[in-house]
Amino acid sequence: MDRKQSLENQRALSPYKQAIARYVRASMALKSVRYSDLASALDERGISVTPENLRSKVSKCMFSADLLAAIIDVLGVEDSAMRDILRQARELQSPREKI
């Protein structure tokens, strides 16, 4: 993949990354879960990550799909997560990207 296509992909995926980060932070806030709580709950499942590293991953939305699935499971939001993330991403997309 050339650099131009890579940059275009980053731009096109940006609304999804933003929506995921917003959703995780909002879900944590609604459930009064701090990063230390989330890190502890993940650790109970054998997933070792520090609260600081988790905060960084969420703010940059730089984590794997499997970690996102584990976070959704820990937060207990599996029924609404994908629907809400996609709705937010669509709202963030430019009109051209929605086609």
PDB file of N, CA and C in Angstrom:
ATOM      1  N   MET A   1       0.846  -1.159   0.000  1.00  0.00           N
ATOM      2  CA  MET A   1       0.000   0.000   0.000  1.00  0.00           C
ATOM      3  C   MET A   1       0.900   1.234   0.000  1.00  0.00           C
ATOM      4  N   ASP A   2       0.571   2.173  -0.852  1.00  0.00           N
ATOM      5  CA  ASP A   2       1.399   3.386  -0.902  1.00  0.00           C
ATOM      6  C   ASP A   2       0.984   4.366   0.194  1.00  0.00           C
ATOM      7  N   ARG A   3       1.814   5.352   0.398  1.00  0.00           N
ATOM      8  CA  ARG A   3       1.604   6.320   1.482  1.00  0.00           C
ATOM      9  C   ARG A   3       0.275   7.067   1.334  1.00  0.00           C
ATOM     10  N   LYS A   4      -0.076   7.440   0.083  1.00  0.00           N
ATOM     11  CA  LYS A   4      -1.316   8.182  -0.138  1.00  0.00           C
ATOM     12  C   LYS A   4      -2.524   7.349   0.288  1.00  0.00           C
ATOM     13  N   GLN A   5      -2.538   6.089  -0.094  1.00  0.00           N
ATOM     14  CA  GLN A   5      -3.663   5.230   0.279  1.00  0.00           C
ATOM     15  C   GLN A   5      -3.696   5.010   1.790  1.00  0.00           C
ATOM     16  N   SER A   6      -2.549   4.875   2.398  1.00  0.00           N
ATOM     17  CA  SER A   6      -2.484   4.717   3.845  1.00  0.00           C
ATOM     18  C   SER A   6      -3.075   5.935   4.559  1.00  0.00           C
ATOM     19  N   LEU A   7      -2.741   7.115   4.095  1.00  0.00           N
ATOM     20  CA  LEU A   7      -3.281   8.341   4.685  1.00  0.00           C
ATOM     21  C   LEU A   7      -4.784   8.440   4.468  1.00  0.00           C
ATOM     22  N   GLU A   8      -5.256   8.030   3.297  1.00  0.00           N
ATOM     23  CA  GLU A   8      -6.693   8.043   3.014  1.00  0.00           C
ATOM     24  C   GLU A   8      -7.427   7.068   3.937  1.00  0.00           C
ATOM     25  N   ASN A   9      -6.815   5.907   4.170  1.00  0.00           N
ATOM     26  CA  ASN A   9      -7.420   4.933   5.086  1.00  0.00           C
ATOM     27  C   ASN A   9      -7.486   5.496   6.503  1.00  0.00           C
ATOM     28  N   GLN A  10      -6.428   6.140   6.941  1.00  0.00           N
ATOM     29  CA  GLN A  10      -6.421   6.737   8.280  1.00  0.00           C
ATOM     30  C   GLN A  10      -7.538   7.761   8.415  1.00  0.00           C
ATOM     31  N   ARG A  11      -7.702   8.581   7.395  1.00  0.00           N
ATOM     32  CA  ARG A  11      -8.759   9.598   7.413  1.00  0.00           C
ATOM     33  C   ARG A  11     -10.139   8.942   7.449  1.00  0.00           C
ATOM     34  N   ALA A  12     -10.332   7.921   6.638  1.00  0.00           N
ATOM     35  CA  ALA A  12     -11.630   7.254   6.564  1.00  0.00           C
ATOM     36  C   ALA A  12     -11.953   6.495   7.852  1.00  0.00           C
ATOM     37  N   LEU A  13     -10.947   5.972   8.531  1.00  0.00           N
ATOM     38  CA  LEU A  13     -11.167   5.218   9.769  1.00  0.00           C
ATOM     39  C   LEU A  13     -11.264   6.111  11.005  1.00  0.00           C
ATOM     40  N   SER A  14     -10.888   7.359  10.864  1.00  0.00           N
ATOM     41  CA  SER A  14     -10.878   8.282  11.992  1.00  0.00           C
ATOM     42  C   SER A  14     -12.217   8.372  12.732  1.00  0.00           C
ATOM     43  N   PRO A  15     -13.353   8.472  12.040  1.00  0.00           N
ATOM     44  CA  PRO A  15     -14.626   8.536  12.769  1.00  0.00           C
ATOM     45  C   PRO A  15     -14.878   7.300  13.632  1.00  0.00           C
ATOM     46  N   TYR A  16     -14.446   6.143  13.162  1.00  0.00           N
ATOM     47  CA  TYR A  16     -14.628   4.915  13.937  1.00  0.00           C
ATOM     48  C   TYR A  16     -13.749   4.932  15.182  1.00  0.00           C
ATOM     49  N   LYS A  17     -12.503   5.362  15.023  1.00  0.00           N
ATOM     50  CA  LYS A  17     -11.599   5.448  16.170  1.00  0.00           C
ATOM     51  C   LYS A  17     -12.138   6.418  17.205  1.00  0.00           C
ATOM     52  N   GLN A  18     -12.604   7.561  16.758  1.00  0.00           N
ATOM     53  CA  GLN A  18     -13.157   8.555  17.679  1.00  0.00           C
ATOM     54  C   GLN A  18     -14.382   8.008  18.399  1.00  0.00           C
ATOM     55  N   ALA A  19     -15.246   7.344  17.660  1.00  0.00           N
ATOM     56  CA  ALA A  19     -16.472   6.802  18.247  1.00  0.00           C
ATOM     57  C   ALA A  19     -16.159   5.724  19.280  1.00  0.00           C
ATOM     58  N   ILE A  20     -15.189   4.881  19.003  1.00  0.00           N
ATOM     59  CA  ILE A  20     -14.809   3.832  19.954  1.00  0.00           C
ATOM     60  C   ILE A  20     -14.263   4.452  21.232  1.00  0.00           C
ATOM     61  N   ALA A  21     -13.364   5.407  21.096  1.00  0.00           N
ATOM     62  CA  ALA A  21     -12.781   6.056  22.277  1.00  0.00           C
ATOM     63  C   ALA A  21     -13.867   6.747  23.101  1.00  0.00           C
ATOM     64  N   ARG A  22     -14.759   7.469  22.435  1.00  0.00           N
ATOM     65  CA  ARG A  22     -15.847   8.148  23.140  1.00  0.00           C
ATOM     66  C   ARG A  22     -16.748   7.153  23.853  1.00  0.00           C
ATOM     67  N   TYR A  23     -17.061   6.061  23.167  1.00  0.00           N
ATOM     68  CA  TYR A  23     -17.964   5.069  23.738  1.00  0.00           C
ATOM     69  C   TYR A  23     -17.358   4.438  24.982  1.00  0.00           C
ATOM     70  N   VAL A  24     -16.097   4.055  24.915  1.00  0.00           N
ATOM     71  CA  VAL A  24     -15.453   3.426  26.069  1.00  0.00           C
ATOM     72  C   VAL A  24     -15.421   4.399  27.244  1.00  0.00           C
ATOM     73  N   ARG A  25     -15.009   5.638  26.990  1.00  0.00           N
ATOM     74  CA  ARG A  25     -14.946   6.629  28.076  1.00  0.00           C
ATOM     75  C   ARG A  25     -16.339   6.896  28.658  1.00  0.00           C
ATOM     76  N   ALA A  26     -17.341   7.031  27.795  1.00  0.00           N
ATOM     77  CA  ALA A  26     -18.697   7.288  28.271  1.00  0.00           C
ATOM     78  C   ALA A  26     -19.237   6.107  29.080  1.00  0.00           C
ATOM     79  N   SER A  27     -18.975   4.897  28.612  1.00  0.00           N
ATOM     80  CA  SER A  27     -19.437   3.704  29.336  1.00  0.00           C
ATOM     81  C   SER A  27     -18.775   3.615  30.702  1.00  0.00           C
ATOM     82  N   MET A  28     -17.487   3.936  30.746  1.00  0.00           N
ATOM     83  CA  MET A  28     -16.783   3.937  32.029  1.00  0.00           C
ATOM     84  C   MET A  28     -17.397   4.973  32.970  1.00  0.00           C
ATOM     85  N   ALA A  29     -17.671   6.152  32.456  1.00  0.00           N
ATOM     86  CA  ALA A  29     -18.238   7.218  33.283  1.00  0.00           C
ATOM     87  C   ALA A  29     -19.626   6.836  33.796  1.00  0.00           C
ATOM     88  N   LEU A  30     -20.459   6.293  32.920  1.00  0.00           N
ATOM     89  CA  LEU A  30     -21.818   5.921  33.320  1.00  0.00           C
ATOM     90  C   LEU A  30     -21.833   4.825  34.383  1.00  0.00           C
ATOM     91  N   LYS A  31     -20.836   3.968  34.343  1.00  0.00           N
ATOM     92  CA  LYS A  31     -20.759   2.861  35.302  1.00  0.00           C
ATOM     93  C   LYS A  31     -19.811   3.171  36.464  1.00  0.00           C
ATOM     94  N   SER A  32     -19.305   4.402  36.501  1.00  0.00           N
ATOM     95  CA  SER A  32     -18.366   4.829  37.549  1.00  0.00           C
ATOM     96  C   SER A  32     -17.159   3.896  37.655  1.00  0.00           C
ATOM     97  N   VAL A  33     -16.624   3.536  36.499  1.00  0.00           N
ATOM     98  CA  VAL A  33     -15.448   2.667  36.432  1.00  0.00           C
ATOM     99  C   VAL A  33     -14.236   3.527  36.098  1.00  0.00           C
ATOM    100  N   ARG A  34     -13.215   3.442  36.937  1.00  0.00           N
ATOM    101  CA  ARG A  34     -11.965   4.161  36.684  1.00  0.00           C
ATOM    102  C   ARG A  34     -11.025   3.237  35.912  1.00  0.00           C
ATOM    103  N   TYR A  35      -9.972   3.821  35.359  1.00  0.00           N
ATOM    104  CA  TYR A  35      -9.008   3.005  34.620  1.00  0.00           C
ATOM    105  C   TYR A  35      -8.387   1.934  35.515  1.00  0.00           C
ATOM    106  N   SER A  36      -8.163   2.247  36.779  1.00  0.00           N
ATOM    107  CA  SER A  36      -7.614   1.244  37.698  1.00  0.00           C
ATOM    108  C   SER A  36      -8.596   0.093  37.902  1.00  0.00           C
ATOM    109  N   ASP A  37      -9.899   0.407  37.966  1.00  0.00           N
ATOM    110  CA  ASP A  37     -10.926  -0.635  38.084  1.00  0.00           C
ATOM    111  C   ASP A  37     -10.952  -1.514  36.840  1.00  0.00           C
ATOM    112  N   LEU A  38     -10.893  -0.862  35.694  1.00  0.00           N
ATOM    113  CA  LEU A  38     -10.925  -1.588  34.427  1.00  0.00           C
ATOM    114  C   LEU A  38      -9.689  -2.473  34.292  1.00  0.00           C
ATOM    115  N   ALA A  39      -8.533  -1.942  34.640  1.00  0.00           N
ATOM    116  CA  ALA A  39      -7.296  -2.727  34.573  1.00  0.00           C
ATOM    117  C   ALA A  39      -7.365  -3.932  35.507  1.00  0.00           C
ATOM    118  N   SER A  40      -7.927  -3.756  36.702  1.00  0.00           N
ATOM    119  CA  SER A  40      -8.067  -4.863  37.656  1.00  0.00           C
ATOM    120  C   SER A  40      -9.014  -5.937  37.121  1.00  0.00           C
ATOM    121  N   ALA A  41     -10.129  -5.498  36.544  1.00  0.00           N
ATOM    122  CA  ALA A  41     -11.098  -6.451  35.997  1.00  0.00           C
ATOM    123  C   ALA A  41     -10.498  -7.220  34.819  1.00  0.00           C
ATOM    124  N   LEU A  42      -9.719  -6.527  33.995  1.00  0.00           N
ATOM    125  CA  LEU A  42      -9.054  -7.216  32.882  1.00  0.00           C
ATOM    126  C   LEU A  42      -8.012  -8.197  33.418  1.00  0.00           C
ATOM    127  N   ASP A  43      -7.294  -7.797  34.470  1.00  0.00           N
ATOM    128  CA  ASP A  43      -6.284  -8.663  35.072  1.00  0.00           C
ATOM    129  C   ASP A  43      -6.912  -9.955  35.598  1.00  0.00           C
ATOM    130  N   GLU A  44      -8.125  -9.861  36.134  1.00  0.00           N
ATOM    131  CA  GLU A  44      -8.843 -11.049  36.609  1.00  0.00           C
ATOM    132  C   GLU A  44      -9.123 -12.024  35.469  1.00  0.00           C
ATOM    133  N   ARG A  45      -9.134 -11.516  34.250  1.00  0.00           N
ATOM    134  CA  ARG A  45      -9.343 -12.360  33.063  1.00  0.00           C
ATOM    135  C   ARG A  45      -8.021 -12.762  32.414  1.00  0.00           C
ATOM    136  N   GLY A  46      -6.926 -12.435  33.086  1.00  0.00           N
ATOM    137  CA  GLY A  46      -5.610 -12.813  32.570  1.00  0.00           C
ATOM    138  C   GLY A  46      -5.021 -11.816  31.595  1.00  0.00           C
ATOM    139  N   ILE A  47      -5.611 -10.621  31.520  1.00  0.00           N
ATOM    140  CA  ILE A  47      -5.135  -9.581  30.598  1.00  0.00           C
ATOM    141  C   ILE A  47      -4.439  -8.524  31.435  1.00  0.00           C
ATOM    142  N   SER A  48      -3.137  -8.472  31.334  1.00  0.00           N
ATOM    143  CA  SER A  48      -2.350  -7.571  32.164  1.00  0.00           C
ATOM    144  C   SER A  48      -2.069  -6.272  31.420  1.00  0.00           C
ATOM    145  N   VAL A  49      -2.605  -5.184  31.979  1.00  0.00           N
ATOM    146  CA  VAL A  49      -2.390  -3.855  31.409  1.00  0.00           C
ATOM    147  C   VAL A  49      -2.478  -2.859  32.574  1.00  0.00           C
ATOM    148  N   THR A  50      -1.579  -1.889  32.594  1.00  0.00           N
ATOM    149  CA  THR A  50      -1.602  -0.904  33.668  1.00  0.00           C
ATOM    150  C   THR A  50      -2.697   0.126  33.399  1.00  0.00           C
ATOM    151  N   PRO A  51      -3.189   0.775  34.436  1.00  0.00           N
ATOM    152  CA  PRO A  51      -4.196   1.826  34.225  1.00  0.00           C
ATOM    153  C   PRO A  51      -3.681   2.930  33.304  1.00  0.00           C
ATOM    154  N   GLU A  52      -2.415   3.287  33.440  1.00  0.00           N
ATOM    155  CA  GLU A  52      -1.838   4.335  32.596  1.00  0.00           C
ATOM    156  C   GLU A  52      -1.790   3.903  31.132  1.00  0.00           C
ATOM    157  N   ASN A  53      -1.388   2.653  30.908  1.00  0.00           N
ATOM    158  CA  ASN A  53      -1.331   2.137  29.548  1.00  0.00           C
ATOM    159  C   ASN A  53      -2.729   2.047  28.955  1.00  0.00           C
ATOM    160  N   LEU A  54      -3.683   1.645  29.759  1.00  0.00           N
ATOM    161  CA  LEU A  54      -5.068   1.544  29.311  1.00  0.00           C
ATOM    162  C   LEU A  54      -5.617   2.922  28.957  1.00  0.00           C
ATOM    163  N   ARG A  55      -5.333   3.913  29.790  1.00  0.00           N
ATOM    164  CA  ARG A  55      -5.776   5.291  29.519  1.00  0.00           C
ATOM    165  C   ARG A  55      -5.204   5.763  28.180  1.00  0.00           C
ATOM    166  N   SER A  56      -3.927   5.490  27.955  1.00  0.00           N
ATOM    167  CA  SER A  56      -3.273   5.885  26.705  1.00  0.00           C
ATOM    168  C   SER A  56      -3.899   5.180  25.511  1.00  0.00           C
ATOM    169  N   LYS A  57      -4.132   3.881  25.652  1.00  0.00           N
ATOM    170  CA  LYS A  57      -4.729   3.119  24.554  1.00  0.00           C
ATOM    171  C   LYS A  57      -6.129   3.646  24.212  1.00  0.00           C
ATOM    172  N   VAL A  58      -6.916   3.946  25.233  1.00  0.00           N
ATOM    173  CA  VAL A  58      -8.279   4.435  24.998  1.00  0.00           C
ATOM    174  C   VAL A  58      -8.249   5.828  24.378  1.00  0.00           C
ATOM    175  N   SER A  59      -7.408   6.708  24.910  1.00  0.00           N
ATOM    176  CA  SER A  59      -7.398   8.078  24.390  1.00  0.00           C
ATOM    177  C   SER A  59      -6.934   8.131  22.942  1.00  0.00           C
ATOM    178  N   LYS A  60      -6.015   7.240  22.572  1.00  0.00           N
ATOM    179  CA  LYS A  60      -5.528   7.197  21.193  1.00  0.00           C
ATOM    180  C   LYS A  60      -6.304   6.201  20.352  1.00  0.00           C
ATOM    181  N   CYS A  61      -7.155   5.427  21.015  1.00  0.00           N
ATOM    182  CA  CYS A  61      -7.892   4.332  20.374  1.00  0.00           C
ATOM    183  C   CYS A  61      -6.936   3.427  19.607  1.00  0.00           C
ATOM    184  N   MET A  62      -5.886   3.061  20.288  1.00  0.00           N
ATOM    185  CA  MET A  62      -4.857   2.217  19.694  1.00  0.00           C
ATOM    186  C   MET A  62      -4.795   0.887  20.440  1.00  0.00           C
ATOM    187  N   PHE A  63      -5.849   0.116  20.298  1.00  0.00           N
ATOM    188  CA  PHE A  63      -5.842  -1.207  20.892  1.00  0.00           C
ATOM    189  C   PHE A  63      -6.469  -2.191  19.929  1.00  0.00           C
ATOM    190  N   SER A  64      -6.216  -3.447  20.171  1.00  0.00           N
ATOM    191  CA  SER A  64      -6.684  -4.484  19.268  1.00  0.00           C
ATOM    192  C   SER A  64      -8.181  -4.741  19.449  1.00  0.00           C
ATOM    193  N   ALA A  65      -8.736  -5.403  18.474  1.00  0.00           N
ATOM    194  CA  ALA A  65     -10.159  -5.749  18.532  1.00  0.00           C
ATOM    195  C   ALA A  65     -10.434  -6.684  19.701  1.00  0.00           C
ATOM    196  N   ASP A  66      -9.495  -7.571  20.000  1.00  0.00           N
ATOM    197  CA  ASP A  66      -9.733  -8.483  21.111  1.00  0.00           C
ATOM    198  C   ASP A  66      -9.721  -7.757  22.456  1.00  0.00           C
ATOM    199  N   LEU A  67      -8.874  -6.744  22.617  1.00  0.00           N
ATOM    200  CA  LEU A  67      -8.897  -5.954  23.843  1.00  0.00           C
ATOM    201  C   LEU A  67     -10.197  -5.147  23.925  1.00  0.00           C
ATOM    202  N   LEU A  68     -10.656  -4.608  22.816  1.00  0.00           N
ATOM    203  CA  LEU A  68     -11.940  -3.897  22.806  1.00  0.00           C
ATOM    204  C   LEU A  68     -13.062  -4.842  23.232  1.00  0.00           C
ATOM    205  N   ALA A  69     -13.054  -6.053  22.722  1.00  0.00           N
ATOM    206  CA  ALA A  69     -14.085  -7.030  23.099  1.00  0.00           C
ATOM    207  C   ALA A  69     -14.021  -7.324  24.596  1.00  0.00           C
ATOM    208  N   ALA A  70     -12.828  -7.444  25.143  1.00  0.00           N
ATOM    209  CA  ALA A  70     -12.673  -7.689  26.584  1.00  0.00           C
ATOM    210  C   ALA A  70     -13.175  -6.500  27.395  1.00  0.00           C
ATOM    211  N   ILE A  71     -12.891  -5.293  26.943  1.00  0.00           N
ATOM    212  CA  ILE A  71     -13.359  -4.090  27.636  1.00  0.00           C
ATOM    213  C   ILE A  71     -14.882  -4.028  27.613  1.00  0.00           C
ATOM    214  N   ILE A  72     -15.473  -4.311  26.467  1.00  0.00           N
ATOM    215  CA  ILE A  72     -16.932  -4.324  26.339  1.00  0.00           C
ATOM    216  C   ILE A  72     -17.528  -5.362  27.289  1.00  0.00           C
ATOM    217  N   ASP A  73     -16.883  -6.518  27.388  1.00  0.00           N
ATOM    218  CA  ASP A  73     -17.339  -7.584  28.285  1.00  0.00           C
ATOM    219  C   ASP A  73     -17.242  -7.138  29.737  1.00  0.00           C
ATOM    220  N   VAL A  74     -16.114  -6.578  30.124  1.00  0.00           N
ATOM    221  CA  VAL A  74     -15.910  -6.117  31.500  1.00  0.00           C
ATOM    222  C   VAL A  74     -16.934  -5.048  31.875  1.00  0.00           C
ATOM    223  N   LEU A  75     -17.184  -4.125  30.960  1.00  0.00           N
ATOM    224  CA  LEU A  75     -18.130  -3.045  31.237  1.00  0.00           C
ATOM    225  C   LEU A  75     -19.590  -3.500  31.168  1.00  0.00           C
ATOM    226  N   GLY A  76     -19.819  -4.689  30.609  1.00  0.00           N
ATOM    227  CA  GLY A  76     -21.176  -5.216  30.512  1.00  0.00           C
ATOM    228  C   GLY A  76     -22.060  -4.449  29.549  1.00  0.00           C
ATOM    229  N   VAL A  77     -21.470  -3.985  28.444  1.00  0.00           N
ATOM    230  CA  VAL A  77     -22.226  -3.186  27.478  1.00  0.00           C
ATOM    231  C   VAL A  77     -22.350  -3.872  26.116  1.00  0.00           C
ATOM    232  N   GLU A  78     -22.227  -5.189  26.121  1.00  0.00           N
ATOM    233  CA  GLU A  78     -22.231  -5.911  24.850  1.00  0.00           C
ATOM    234  C   GLU A  78     -23.525  -5.752  24.063  1.00  0.00           C
ATOM    235  N   ASP A  79     -24.633  -5.505  24.735  1.00  0.00           N
ATOM    236  CA  ASP A  79     -25.908  -5.365  24.026  1.00  0.00           C
ATOM    237  C   ASP A  79     -26.009  -4.085  23.202  1.00  0.00           C
ATOM    238  N   SER A  80     -25.286  -3.049  23.605  1.00  0.00           N
ATOM    239  CA  SER A  80     -25.425  -1.767  22.920  1.00  0.00           C
ATOM    240  C   SER A  80     -24.147  -1.274  22.246  1.00  0.00           C
ATOM    241  N   ALA A  81     -23.037  -1.873  22.535  1.00  0.00           N
ATOM    242  CA  ALA A  81     -21.740  -1.329  22.112  1.00  0.00           C
ATOM    243  C   ALA A  81     -21.637  -1.079  20.608  1.00  0.00           C
ATOM    244  N   MET A  82     -21.792  -2.100  19.819  1.00  0.00           N
ATOM    245  CA  MET A  82     -21.571  -1.938  18.377  1.00  0.00           C
ATOM    246  C   MET A  82     -22.585  -0.987  17.759  1.00  0.00           C
ATOM    247  N   ARG A  83     -23.831  -1.106  18.157  1.00  0.00           N
ATOM    248  CA  ARG A  83     -24.863  -0.212  17.631  1.00  0.00           C
ATOM    249  C   ARG A  83     -24.528   1.248  17.946  1.00  0.00           C
ATOM    250  N   ASP A  84     -24.155   1.515  19.173  1.00  0.00           N
ATOM    251  CA  ASP A  84     -23.846   2.886  19.575  1.00  0.00           C
ATOM    252  C   ASP A  84     -22.564   3.408  18.935  1.00  0.00           C
ATOM    253  N   ILE A  85     -21.552   2.562  18.838  1.00  0.00           N
ATOM    254  CA  ILE A  85     -20.293   2.968  18.194  1.00  0.00           C
ATOM    255  C   ILE A  85     -20.535   3.322  16.737  1.00  0.00           C
ATOM    256  N   LEU A  86     -21.262   2.488  16.027  1.00  0.00           N
ATOM    257  CA  LEU A  86     -21.521   2.746  14.603  1.00  0.00           C
ATOM    258  C   LEU A  86     -22.376   3.995  14.409  1.00  0.00           C
ATOM    259  N   ARG A  87     -23.340   4.215  15.280  1.00  0.00           N
ATOM    260  CA  ARG A  87     -24.164   5.417  15.183  1.00  0.00           C
ATOM    261  C   ARG A  87     -23.294   6.657  15.350  1.00  0.00           C
ATOM    262  N   GLN A  88     -22.431   6.649  16.349  1.00  0.00           N
ATOM    263  CA  GLN A  88     -21.539   7.790  16.559  1.00  0.00           C
ATOM    264  C   GLN A  88     -20.590   7.982  15.375  1.00  0.00           C
ATOM    265  N   ALA A  89     -20.049   6.894  14.863  1.00  0.00           N
ATOM    266  CA  ALA A  89     -19.120   6.992  13.733  1.00  0.00           C
ATOM    267  C   ALA A  89     -19.812   7.595  12.519  1.00  0.00           C
ATOM    268  N   ARG A  90     -21.034   7.182  12.274  1.00  0.00           N
ATOM    269  CA  ARG A  90     -21.781   7.725  11.120  1.00  0.00           C
ATOM    270  C   ARG A  90     -22.050   9.213  11.290  1.00  0.00           C
ATOM    271  N   GLU A  91     -22.307   9.631  12.519  1.00  0.00           N
ATOM    272  CA  GLU A  91     -22.521  11.054  12.783  1.00  0.00           C
ATOM    273  C   GLU A  91     -21.244  11.865  12.552  1.00  0.00           C
ATOM    274  N   LEU A  92     -20.092  11.250  12.772  1.00  0.00           N
ATOM    275  CA  LEU A  92     -18.813  11.934  12.625  1.00  0.00           C
ATOM    276  C   LEU A  92     -18.321  11.956  11.168  1.00  0.00           C
ATOM    277  N   GLN A  93     -18.863  11.081  10.339  1.00  0.00           N
ATOM    278  CA  GLN A  93     -18.408  11.009   8.944  1.00  0.00           C
ATOM    279  C   GLN A  93     -18.850  12.235   8.167  1.00  0.00           C
ATOM    280  N   SER A  94     -18.005  12.596   7.208  1.00  0.00           N
ATOM    281  CA  SER A  94     -18.376  13.689   6.302  1.00  0.00           C
ATOM    282  C   SER A  94     -19.444  13.144   5.335  1.00  0.00           C
ATOM    283  N   PRO A  95     -20.216  14.040   4.701  1.00  0.00           N
ATOM    284  CA  PRO A  95     -21.259  13.591   3.764  1.00  0.00           C
ATOM    285  C   PRO A  95     -20.704  12.692   2.660  1.00  0.00           C
ATOM    286  N   ARG A  96     -19.505  12.972   2.180  1.00  0.00           N
ATOM    287  CA  ARG A  96     -18.904  12.173   1.114  1.00  0.00           C
ATOM    288  C   ARG A  96     -18.620  10.761   1.593  1.00  0.00           C
ATOM    289  N   GLU A  97     -18.199  10.612   2.858  1.00  0.00           N
ATOM    290  CA  GLU A  97     -17.872   9.294   3.390  1.00  0.00           C
ATOM    291  C   GLU A  97     -19.107   8.446   3.658  1.00  0.00           C
ATOM    292  N   LYS A  98     -20.267   9.059   3.789  1.00  0.00           N
ATOM    293  CA  LYS A  98     -21.485   8.327   4.107  1.00  0.00           C
ATOM    294  C   LYS A  98     -22.068   7.585   2.914  1.00  0.00           C
ATOM    295  N   ILE A  99     -21.613   7.862   1.745  1.00  0.00           N
ATOM    296  CA  ILE A  99     -22.172   7.248   0.524  1.00  0.00           C
ATOM    297  C   ILE A  99     -21.843   5.784   0.462  1.00  0.00           C
TER     298      ILE A  99
END
